[in-house]
Protein backbone atom coordinates (compact mmCIF):
# COMPACT_ATOMS: atom_id res chain seq x y z
CA MET A 1 0.00 0.00 0.00
CA ARG A 2 1.27 3.45 -0.89
CA TYR A 3 1.04 6.39 1.46
CA THR A 4 -1.42 8.10 -0.88
CA GLU A 5 -3.76 5.11 -0.75
CA PHE A 6 -3.44 4.97 3.04
CA TRP A 7 -4.41 8.63 3.43
CA SER A 8 -7.20 8.32 0.92
CA ARG A 9 -8.69 5.39 2.83
CA LEU A 10 -8.37 7.17 6.17
CA GLU A 11 -10.01 10.29 4.76
CA ASP A 12 -12.82 8.17 3.32
CA VAL A 13 -13.49 6.82 6.81
CA LEU A 14 -12.88 9.90 8.98
CA GLY A 15 -13.35 12.77 6.57
CA ILE A 16 -11.66 16.04 7.40
CA ARG A 17 -10.69 14.73 10.86
CA ALA A 18 -8.36 12.08 9.39
CA ARG A 19 -5.06 13.96 9.74
CA SER A 20 -5.90 15.24 13.20
CA TRP A 21 -6.96 11.78 14.37
CA ALA A 22 -3.75 10.31 12.93
CA GLN A 23 -1.67 12.79 14.93
CA ASP A 24 -3.55 12.45 18.22
CA HIS A 25 -4.90 8.90 18.55
CA VAL A 26 -2.53 6.36 20.11
CA LEU A 27 -2.97 2.74 19.04
CA THR A 28 -1.86 -0.16 21.19
CA ALA A 29 -1.37 -2.24 18.04
CA LEU A 30 1.29 0.27 16.97
CA GLU A 31 3.22 -0.14 20.21
CA GLY A 32 1.62 2.93 21.75
CA ARG A 33 2.39 5.23 18.84
CA THR A 34 0.07 7.45 16.90
CA VAL A 35 -0.69 6.63 13.29
CA GLN A 36 1.39 9.61 12.15
CA GLY A 37 4.22 8.64 14.49
CA ALA A 38 4.31 5.09 13.18
CA LEU A 39 4.36 6.28 9.57
CA ASP A 40 7.04 8.87 10.35
CA GLU A 41 9.18 6.11 11.87
CA GLY A 42 8.97 4.10 8.65
CA GLU A 43 6.24 1.63 9.57
CA ASP A 44 4.68 -0.04 6.53
CA PRO A 45 1.44 1.77 5.64
CA GLN A 46 -0.32 -1.58 5.16
CA ARG A 47 0.50 -2.60 8.74
CA VAL A 48 -0.66 0.79 10.00
CA TRP A 49 -3.89 0.46 8.01
CA ARG A 50 -4.56 -2.95 9.56
CA ALA A 51 -4.16 -1.40 13.02
CA VAL A 52 -6.50 1.46 12.09
CA HIS A 53 -8.99 -1.00 10.60
CA ALA A 54 -9.07 -3.01 13.81
CA GLU A 55 -9.19 0.06 16.07
CA LEU A 56 -12.13 1.58 14.22
CA GLU A 57 -13.84 -1.81 13.82
CA LEU A 58 -14.33 -1.19 10.12
CA PRO A 59 -16.17 -3.67 7.91
CA GLU A 60 -14.12 -6.43 6.34
CA ARG A 61 -14.66 -4.92 2.88
CA ASP A 62 -12.54 -1.93 3.95
CA ARG A 63 -9.58 -4.06 4.90
């Protein structure tokens, strides 16, 4: 998954709050990092998306 696809998916789910949520929301699945922090540290966007998907309890079709 490319970063552009990741952000597009997150914006589809959270709308204009996506970037703010990514900077503020800490996910246990990302070892206590925020989404933005994990991406900034080089985490694979696909792994980050899976963590977001689980955290937000999104439908399987959005995986």
